[in-house]
Amino acid sequence: MDKWSTHVLYLSEGIVTFFSNIYNITNLENYSSLAEYICDHMVEEIKKKENVDKLDDLLLIDSD
């Protein structure tokens, strides 16, 4: 049963990831990469939605 995923993390718009050991997600190294993964997906979705290419443009949109 250890090899089966027991948790589901919903990232955004139909994107999910699975994990079976909460320690794998919450230890510092993996948490950082998970945070980057989530952020990268969010930035890509917003870029497509708002039709922009630069992070600076995204920050301007967000500040409005």
C-alpha atoms as a PDB file:
ATOM      1  CA  MET A   1       0.000   0.000   0.000  1.00  0.00           C
ATOM      2  CA  ASP A   2       2.994   2.338   0.431  1.00  0.00           C
ATOM      3  CA  LYS A   3       3.356   2.729  -3.324  1.00  0.00           C
ATOM      4  CA  TRP A   4      -0.201   4.010  -3.796  1.00  0.00           C
ATOM      5  CA  SER A   5      -0.925   7.720  -3.598  1.00  0.00           C
ATOM      6  CA  THR A   6      -3.036   8.621  -0.597  1.00  0.00           C
ATOM      7  CA  HIS A   7      -3.246  12.390  -1.022  1.00  0.00           C
ATOM      8  CA  VAL A   8      -4.307  14.612  -3.895  1.00  0.00           C
ATOM      9  CA  LEU A   9      -3.139  18.212  -4.213  1.00  0.00           C
ATOM     10  CA  TYR A  10      -5.243  20.365  -6.523  1.00  0.00           C
ATOM     11  CA  LEU A  11      -2.976  22.918  -8.154  1.00  0.00           C
ATOM     12  CA  SER A  12      -5.298  24.803 -10.513  1.00  0.00           C
ATOM     13  CA  GLU A  13      -7.675  24.439 -13.448  1.00  0.00           C
ATOM     14  CA  GLY A  14      -7.717  20.666 -13.566  1.00  0.00           C
ATOM     15  CA  ILE A  15      -4.047  20.158 -12.705  1.00  0.00           C
ATOM     16  CA  VAL A  16      -3.498  17.755  -9.827  1.00  0.00           C
ATOM     17  CA  THR A  17      -0.545  15.998  -8.283  1.00  0.00           C
ATOM     18  CA  PHE A  18      -0.543  12.900  -6.108  1.00  0.00           C
ATOM     19  CA  PHE A  19       1.630  11.921  -3.172  1.00  0.00           C
ATOM     20  CA  SER A  20       1.563   9.254  -0.506  1.00  0.00           C
ATOM     21  CA  ASN A  21       3.851  10.630   2.183  1.00  0.00           C
ATOM     22  CA  ILE A  22       3.219  14.113   3.571  1.00  0.00           C
ATOM     23  CA  TYR A  23       6.891  14.312   4.619  1.00  0.00           C
ATOM     24  CA  ASN A  24       7.869  14.216   0.939  1.00  0.00           C
ATOM     25  CA  ILE A  25       5.875  17.403   0.395  1.00  0.00           C
ATOM     26  CA  THR A  26       6.674  19.288   3.591  1.00  0.00           C
ATOM     27  CA  ASN A  27      10.408  18.770   3.960  1.00  0.00           C
ATOM     28  CA  LEU A  28      12.294  21.903   2.940  1.00  0.00           C
ATOM     29  CA  GLU A  29      13.759  20.727  -0.364  1.00  0.00           C
ATOM     30  CA  ASN A  30      10.581  19.205  -1.775  1.00  0.00           C
ATOM     31  CA  TYR A  31       8.368  21.975  -0.414  1.00  0.00           C
ATOM     32  CA  SER A  32      10.487  24.533  -2.275  1.00  0.00           C
ATOM     33  CA  SER A  33      10.224  22.639  -5.523  1.00  0.00           C
ATOM     34  CA  LEU A  34       6.482  22.129  -5.027  1.00  0.00           C
ATOM     35  CA  ALA A  35       6.042  25.854  -4.398  1.00  0.00           C
ATOM     36  CA  GLU A  36       8.019  26.653  -7.548  1.00  0.00           C
ATOM     37  CA  TYR A  37       5.967  24.121  -9.494  1.00  0.00           C
ATOM     38  CA  ILE A  38       2.696  25.692  -8.345  1.00  0.00           C
ATOM     39  CA  CYS A  39       3.968  29.208  -9.028  1.00  0.00           C
ATOM     40  CA  ASP A  40       5.217  28.276 -12.502  1.00  0.00           C
ATOM     41  CA  HIS A  41       1.836  26.792 -13.423  1.00  0.00           C
ATOM     42  CA  MET A  42      -0.035  29.804 -12.090  1.00  0.00           C
ATOM     43  CA  VAL A  43       2.211  32.220 -14.002  1.00  0.00           C
ATOM     44  CA  GLU A  44       1.783  30.240 -17.232  1.00  0.00           C
ATOM     45  CA  GLU A  45      -2.006  30.183 -16.851  1.00  0.00           C
ATOM     46  CA  ILE A  46      -2.163  33.921 -16.219  1.00  0.00           C
ATOM     47  CA  LYS A  47       0.178  34.626 -19.142  1.00  0.00           C
ATOM     48  CA  LYS A  48      -2.130  32.683 -21.452  1.00  0.00           C
ATOM     49  CA  LYS A  49      -5.283  34.210 -19.991  1.00  0.00           C
ATOM     50  CA  GLU A  50      -4.016  37.810 -20.076  1.00  0.00           C
ATOM     51  CA  ASN A  51      -1.944  37.335 -23.255  1.00  0.00           C
ATOM     52  CA  VAL A  52       1.310  38.721 -21.816  1.00  0.00           C
ATOM     53  CA  ASP A  53       4.890  37.503 -21.980  1.00  0.00           C
ATOM     54  CA  LYS A  54       6.788  39.261 -19.193  1.00  0.00           C
ATOM     55  CA  LEU A  55       6.532  38.800 -15.450  1.00  0.00           C
ATOM     56  CA  ASP A  56       6.600  42.599 -15.016  1.00  0.00           C
ATOM     57  CA  ASP A  57       3.437  42.866 -17.116  1.00  0.00           C
ATOM     58  CA  LEU A  58       1.775  40.249 -14.928  1.00  0.00           C
ATOM     59  CA  LEU A  59       2.662  42.227 -11.819  1.00  0.00           C
ATOM     60  CA  LEU A  60       1.136  45.370 -13.343  1.00  0.00           C
ATOM     61  CA  ILE A  61      -2.075  43.500 -14.152  1.00  0.00           C
ATOM     62  CA  ASP A  62      -2.178  42.090 -10.635  1.00  0.00           C
ATOM     63  CA  SER A  63      -1.752  45.532  -9.064  1.00  0.00           C
ATOM     64  CA  ASP A  64      -4.774  46.935 -10.939  1.00  0.00           C
END
